[in-house]
Protein backbone atom coordinates (compact mmCIF):
# COMPACT_ATOMS: atom_id res chain seq x y z
CA MET A 1 59.49 -0.92 -7.46
CA ASP A 2 57.57 -3.96 -8.68
CA GLN A 3 55.05 -2.06 -10.81
CA ILE A 4 52.57 -4.93 -11.14
CA GLN A 5 52.59 -5.53 -7.38
CA ALA A 6 52.15 -1.81 -6.74
CA MET A 7 49.15 -1.76 -9.09
CA ARG A 8 47.63 -4.72 -7.24
CA VAL A 9 48.13 -2.94 -3.92
CA PHE A 10 46.58 0.25 -5.29
CA ALA A 11 43.58 -1.63 -6.67
CA ARG A 12 43.05 -3.38 -3.34
CA VAL A 13 43.18 -0.05 -1.45
CA VAL A 14 40.53 1.37 -3.79
CA GLU A 15 38.31 -1.70 -3.37
CA ALA A 16 38.80 -1.97 0.39
CA GLY A 17 38.51 1.75 1.07
CA SER A 18 41.42 1.84 3.52
CA PHE A 19 45.10 1.05 3.81
CA THR A 20 44.51 -1.14 6.85
CA ARG A 21 41.88 -3.36 5.23
CA ALA A 22 43.95 -3.61 2.07
CA ALA A 23 47.02 -4.67 4.07
CA ASP A 24 44.98 -7.27 5.97
CA SER A 25 43.49 -8.76 2.80
CA LEU A 26 46.92 -8.92 1.13
CA ASP A 27 48.58 -10.19 4.32
CA ILE A 28 51.30 -7.55 4.20
CA PRO A 29 52.25 -4.77 6.66
CA LYS A 30 50.37 -1.49 6.40
CA GLY A 31 53.70 0.28 6.01
CA THR A 32 54.39 -1.73 2.87
CA VAL A 33 51.05 -0.63 1.42
CA THR A 34 51.91 3.01 2.12
CA LYS A 35 55.34 2.70 0.50
CA GLN A 36 53.90 0.96 -2.57
CA ILE A 37 51.30 3.69 -3.09
CA GLN A 38 53.89 6.45 -2.63
CA ALA A 39 56.22 4.80 -5.12
CA LEU A 40 53.41 4.32 -7.64
CA GLU A 41 52.33 7.96 -7.37
CA ALA A 42 55.94 9.03 -7.83
CA ARG A 43 56.22 6.86 -10.93
CA VAL A 44 53.05 8.11 -12.63
CA ARG A 45 53.58 11.68 -11.30
CA VAL A 46 49.97 12.19 -10.24
CA LYS A 47 48.12 11.94 -6.94
CA LEU A 48 46.00 8.80 -7.01
CA LEU A 49 44.50 8.84 -3.51
CA ASN A 50 43.37 11.45 -1.01
CA ARG A 51 44.26 10.28 2.49
CA THR A 52 42.91 11.57 5.80
CA THR A 53 42.97 10.07 9.28
CA ARG A 54 39.45 8.70 8.73
CA ARG A 55 39.23 7.53 5.15
CA VAL A 56 40.80 7.12 1.74
CA THR A 57 39.15 8.49 -1.40
CA VAL A 58 40.14 8.19 -5.03
CA THR A 59 41.14 11.27 -7.02
CA PRO A 60 39.76 11.70 -10.55
CA ASP A 61 43.15 10.64 -11.92
CA GLY A 62 43.16 7.73 -9.50
CA ALA A 63 39.71 6.58 -10.66
CA ALA A 64 40.85 6.59 -14.29
CA TYR A 65 44.06 4.75 -13.37
CA TYR A 66 42.10 2.17 -11.36
CA GLU A 67 39.78 1.33 -14.25
CA ARG A 68 42.64 0.70 -16.65
CA ALA A 69 44.86 -0.98 -14.07
CA SER A 70 42.12 -3.37 -12.95
CA ARG A 71 41.46 -4.28 -16.58
CA LEU A 72 45.16 -4.92 -17.12
CA LEU A 73 45.43 -7.00 -13.94
CA ASN A 74 42.41 -9.08 -14.95
CA ASP A 75 43.93 -9.70 -18.37
CA LEU A 76 47.22 -10.66 -16.74
CA ASP A 77 45.45 -13.09 -14.42
CA ASP A 78 43.66 -14.60 -17.40
CA LEU A 79 46.94 -14.98 -19.28
CA GLU A 80 48.57 -16.73 -16.35
CA SER A 81 45.59 -18.99 -15.77
CA SER A 82 45.56 -20.03 -19.42
CA MET A 83 49.15 -21.25 -18.99
CA THR A 84 48.35 -23.35 -15.92
CA ASN A 85 45.81 -25.90 -14.81
CA ALA A 86 43.38 -23.07 -14.00
CA GLN A 87 41.39 -24.08 -17.05
CA ALA A 88 40.01 -26.87 -14.89
CA ASN A 89 39.50 -24.52 -11.91
CA PRO A 90 38.75 -21.03 -13.28
CA SER A 91 39.02 -18.20 -10.79
CA GLY A 92 38.90 -14.44 -10.48
CA ARG A 93 36.41 -11.62 -10.79
CA LEU A 94 33.88 -11.79 -13.63
CA ARG A 95 31.82 -8.76 -14.56
CA ILE A 96 28.57 -9.48 -16.40
CA ASP A 97 25.52 -7.43 -17.34
CA VAL A 98 22.02 -8.83 -17.70
CA GLY A 99 18.44 -7.60 -18.04
CA SER A 100 16.46 -7.23 -14.83
CA SER A 101 13.89 -9.99 -15.39
CA THR A 102 16.45 -12.44 -16.72
CA ALA A 103 18.56 -11.78 -13.63
CA SER A 104 15.74 -12.16 -11.10
CA GLU A 105 13.78 -14.99 -12.74
CA ILE A 106 16.45 -17.15 -14.40
CA LEU A 107 20.05 -16.33 -13.53
CA ILE A 108 20.20 -15.50 -9.83
CA PRO A 109 17.98 -18.41 -8.63
CA ALA A 110 20.39 -20.83 -10.35
CA LEU A 111 23.67 -19.35 -9.14
CA ASP A 112 24.04 -21.80 -6.27
CA ASP A 113 24.77 -24.44 -8.91
CA PHE A 114 27.28 -22.15 -10.64
CA PHE A 115 29.22 -21.51 -7.43
CA ALA A 116 29.14 -25.20 -6.56
CA ARG A 117 31.00 -25.81 -9.82
CA TYR A 118 33.20 -22.73 -9.78
CA PRO A 119 33.73 -21.63 -6.17
CA ASP A 120 36.72 -19.45 -7.04
CA ILE A 121 34.88 -17.17 -9.48
CA GLN A 122 33.60 -13.90 -8.05
CA LEU A 123 30.61 -12.48 -9.97
CA GLU A 124 29.78 -8.79 -10.28
CA ILE A 125 26.34 -8.57 -11.90
CA GLY A 126 25.14 -5.34 -13.43
CA VAL A 127 21.36 -5.49 -13.68
CA SER A 128 19.72 -3.15 -16.17
CA ASP A 129 17.75 -3.10 -19.40
CA ARG A 130 20.03 -0.57 -21.08
CA ILE A 131 22.72 -1.51 -23.59
CA VAL A 132 26.18 -1.23 -22.07
CA ASP A 133 29.44 -0.48 -23.83
CA MET A 134 31.35 -3.61 -22.93
CA ILE A 135 34.80 -2.12 -23.49
CA THR A 136 34.22 1.25 -21.82
CA ASP A 137 32.31 -0.30 -18.91
CA ASN A 138 34.87 -3.12 -18.59
CA VAL A 139 32.21 -5.83 -18.77
CA ASP A 140 33.30 -9.39 -19.51
CA CYS A 141 30.03 -10.62 -20.99
CA VAL A 142 26.34 -9.74 -21.27
CA ILE A 143 23.10 -11.63 -21.74
CA ARG A 144 20.82 -9.76 -24.11
CA ALA A 145 17.76 -10.35 -26.28
CA GLY A 146 17.58 -9.18 -29.87
CA ASP A 147 19.98 -9.29 -32.78
CA VAL A 148 23.61 -8.40 -32.06
CA THR A 149 24.66 -5.73 -34.56
CA ASP A 150 28.23 -5.14 -33.36
CA GLN A 151 30.28 -7.49 -35.52
CA SER A 152 33.36 -7.01 -33.32
CA LEU A 153 31.70 -9.01 -30.51
CA VAL A 154 31.41 -12.77 -30.13
CA ALA A 155 27.76 -13.78 -29.77
CA ARG A 156 26.56 -17.25 -28.79
CA ARG A 157 22.85 -17.85 -29.19
CA ILE A 158 21.48 -19.61 -26.13
CA GLY A 159 17.74 -19.42 -26.56
CA THR A 160 14.63 -17.72 -27.91
CA LEU A 161 12.13 -15.47 -26.17
CA PRO A 162 8.50 -15.97 -27.29
CA PHE A 163 5.85 -13.40 -26.32
CA VAL A 164 2.28 -13.56 -25.06
CA SER A 165 -0.31 -10.76 -24.90
CA VAL A 166 -1.77 -10.30 -21.41
CA ALA A 167 -3.84 -8.13 -19.11
CA SER A 168 -4.96 -8.35 -15.51
CA PRO A 169 -8.44 -9.62 -14.58
CA ALA A 170 -9.22 -6.22 -13.03
CA TYR A 171 -8.33 -4.44 -16.27
CA LEU A 172 -10.49 -6.77 -18.37
CA LYS A 173 -13.42 -6.36 -15.99
CA ARG A 174 -13.18 -2.59 -16.36
CA TYR A 175 -12.41 -2.24 -20.08
CA GLY A 176 -13.52 -5.53 -21.60
CA VAL A 177 -11.55 -8.04 -23.64
CA PRO A 178 -9.92 -6.76 -26.85
CA GLN A 179 -10.99 -8.75 -29.91
CA HIS A 180 -8.49 -7.33 -32.41
CA PRO A 181 -5.14 -5.51 -32.12
CA ASN A 182 -6.78 -2.39 -33.58
CA ASP A 183 -8.99 -2.27 -30.47
CA LEU A 184 -5.89 -1.31 -28.49
CA ASP A 185 -5.64 1.96 -30.41
CA LYS A 186 -9.32 2.78 -29.88
CA ARG A 187 -10.84 1.90 -26.53
CA HIS A 188 -8.07 0.25 -24.58
CA ARG A 189 -4.88 1.22 -22.81
CA VAL A 190 -1.48 -0.37 -23.15
CA VAL A 191 1.53 -0.44 -20.86
CA GLY A 192 4.28 1.06 -23.00
CA TYR A 193 7.96 0.17 -23.06
CA PHE A 194 10.76 2.47 -24.21
CA SER A 195 14.50 2.14 -24.69
CA GLY A 196 16.65 3.09 -21.71
CA ASN A 197 19.33 4.32 -24.12
CA THR A 198 17.38 6.20 -26.79
CA ARG A 199 13.96 6.60 -25.10
CA ARG A 200 12.38 5.30 -28.32
CA MET A 201 9.02 3.60 -27.74
CA TYR A 202 8.82 -0.07 -28.71
CA PRO A 203 5.45 -0.88 -30.32
CA ASP A 204 3.66 -4.16 -29.65
CA GLU A 205 3.62 -6.31 -32.78
CA TYR A 206 0.85 -8.68 -33.90
CA ASN A 207 0.97 -11.22 -36.74
CA LYS A 208 -1.78 -13.45 -38.15
CA ASP A 209 -2.17 -15.09 -41.55
CA GLY A 210 0.41 -12.81 -43.17
CA GLU A 211 -1.05 -9.63 -41.63
CA HIS A 212 1.32 -7.53 -39.51
CA ILE A 213 0.06 -4.81 -37.14
CA GLU A 214 2.14 -2.54 -34.92
CA VAL A 215 0.31 -1.01 -31.97
CA ASP A 216 1.56 2.01 -30.08
CA GLY A 217 -1.76 2.29 -28.29
CA HIS A 218 -2.93 4.85 -25.78
CA TYR A 219 -0.69 4.35 -22.79
CA SER A 220 -1.15 5.87 -19.37
CA ILE A 221 2.28 4.63 -18.36
CA ALA A 222 5.46 3.66 -20.19
CA VAL A 223 8.57 2.24 -18.52
CA ASN A 224 12.08 1.20 -19.51
CA GLU A 225 12.65 -1.74 -17.15
CA ASN A 226 11.09 -5.21 -17.22
CA ASN A 227 10.19 -5.62 -13.54
CA ALA A 228 8.42 -2.25 -13.54
CA HIS A 229 6.65 -3.26 -16.75
CA THR A 230 5.39 -6.49 -15.16
CA HIS A 231 4.08 -4.72 -12.09
CA ALA A 232 2.32 -2.09 -14.20
CA VAL A 233 0.45 -4.81 -16.09
CA LEU A 234 -0.38 -6.60 -12.82
CA ALA A 235 -1.72 -3.31 -11.45
CA GLY A 236 -4.33 -3.23 -14.23
CA LEU A 237 -2.83 -0.26 -16.06
CA GLY A 238 -3.15 -1.75 -19.52
CA VAL A 239 -2.70 -4.56 -22.03
CA SER A 240 0.83 -5.49 -23.05
CA GLN A 241 3.05 -8.16 -24.51
CA MET A 242 5.41 -9.99 -22.16
CA VAL A 243 8.03 -12.66 -22.70
CA THR A 244 6.62 -16.05 -21.83
CA PHE A 245 9.07 -16.94 -19.06
CA ILE A 246 7.82 -13.92 -17.11
CA ALA A 247 4.14 -14.23 -17.99
CA GLN A 248 3.57 -17.98 -17.68
CA PRO A 249 3.79 -18.26 -13.86
CA LEU A 250 1.43 -15.28 -13.57
CA LEU A 251 -0.99 -16.84 -16.04
CA ASP A 252 -0.87 -20.17 -14.18
CA ARG A 253 -1.99 -18.57 -10.92
CA GLY A 254 -4.58 -16.30 -12.49
CA ALA A 255 -2.81 -13.01 -11.85
CA LEU A 256 -2.85 -12.37 -15.62
CA VAL A 257 -5.11 -13.48 -18.49
CA GLN A 258 -4.00 -14.10 -22.07
CA VAL A 259 -5.68 -11.91 -24.69
CA LEU A 260 -5.61 -11.99 -28.50
CA PRO A 261 -4.36 -15.61 -28.47
CA ASP A 262 -4.63 -15.99 -32.26
CA TRP A 263 -2.18 -13.13 -32.82
CA THR A 264 1.53 -13.77 -32.33
CA ARG A 265 4.73 -11.77 -32.13
CA GLU A 266 8.03 -12.85 -33.67
CA PRO A 267 10.20 -14.32 -30.87
CA LEU A 268 13.49 -12.64 -30.01
CA PRO A 269 16.79 -14.53 -30.03
CA ILE A 270 18.79 -14.29 -26.83
CA TYR A 271 22.58 -14.28 -26.76
CA VAL A 272 25.47 -14.32 -24.36
CA VAL A 273 27.94 -11.82 -25.79
CA TYR A 274 31.59 -11.12 -25.00
CA PRO A 275 34.48 -9.17 -26.55
CA PRO A 276 36.90 -11.23 -28.65
CA ASN A 277 39.79 -10.43 -26.29
CA ARG A 278 37.94 -12.38 -23.54
CA HIS A 279 37.56 -15.45 -25.78
CA LEU A 280 40.35 -17.48 -24.13
CA SER A 281 39.45 -16.55 -20.58
CA ALA A 282 38.72 -19.66 -18.52
CA LYS A 283 36.24 -17.85 -16.30
CA VAL A 284 34.34 -16.35 -19.25
CA ARG A 285 34.20 -19.71 -20.99
CA ALA A 286 32.94 -21.34 -17.79
CA PHE A 287 30.16 -18.77 -17.38
CA VAL A 288 29.14 -18.87 -21.05
CA ASP A 289 28.93 -22.67 -21.11
CA TRP A 290 27.03 -22.79 -17.83
CA THR A 291 24.57 -20.13 -19.02
CA ALA A 292 23.93 -22.01 -22.27
CA GLU A 293 23.22 -25.16 -20.25
CA LEU A 294 20.91 -23.23 -17.90
CA PHE A 295 18.84 -21.81 -20.76
CA ALA A 296 18.71 -25.20 -22.49
CA ARG A 297 16.97 -26.67 -19.43
CA ASN A 298 14.18 -24.07 -19.46
CA PRO A 299 11.32 -25.08 -21.82
CA LEU A 300 9.98 -21.51 -21.85
CA LEU A 301 13.14 -20.28 -23.55
CA GLN A 302 12.97 -22.66 -26.55
CA ARG A 303 16.71 -22.76 -26.99
CA THR A 304 18.17 -22.62 -30.48
CA ALA A 305 21.89 -23.28 -30.68
CA GLY A 306 24.40 -21.37 -32.76
CA THR A 307 27.49 -19.18 -32.55
CA ARG A 308 28.56 -16.27 -34.65
């Protein structure tokens, strides 16, 4: 048995959901797929797939084997591509993870350009505001704001996220305009934001002339995802701080109003991060370089270069 080929066949069956579709996509007979799976199960001495006349499902052992096998196959593809001219034409599946607003407002609208340059790369985009474990979740790279504390990861700084304090016109008509950050703890409401991993609340921060104030505020709603946060502010549920690339279009059309303009918040750095074992991957390098270029073109992201 060609073990690598059998692993590829198994992975394709899992992804396609049937022996027939897997055989068609690999351009091999269905009988060959069946024999490869049987031989692989005999080799590893566990049942990898449950097969009925209607569908194929993965056993718990099969799911674990698939995750590790797909990682190994991706690494093998990367190794082979690094030895060929694939550096000029990177290909293969690339798994990334990105925050919801960054995905919807910056990344996804620009992907037509990415695919025009790299038509053979297949992107799988996880969209969330939680911190993922890149190794456990088998993610090739992430785009995240804030300092990167894991020194085992490679982090390339691609920009900076400034903040602006905002509220909706309806909210200001009802509650008035705050004149000082302390007002938010007294007679105003805020839209809170908490960590999707730890559920810790993130306070709004205000700086002016050396004075630093953190405001938890009285919130009627707190969320852990950026798009929900934006809609809560638009709905007039409170004052909050938003990154400028989200807020500016809403300010321009009058959907939001800036408040406390003399008070600022320290901007957050934004990085594209990847494990060191993906450093030589042509497809990862292509995505990282393209993302850095994309952020550099956006004046609301105030790019600052640097690599750690």
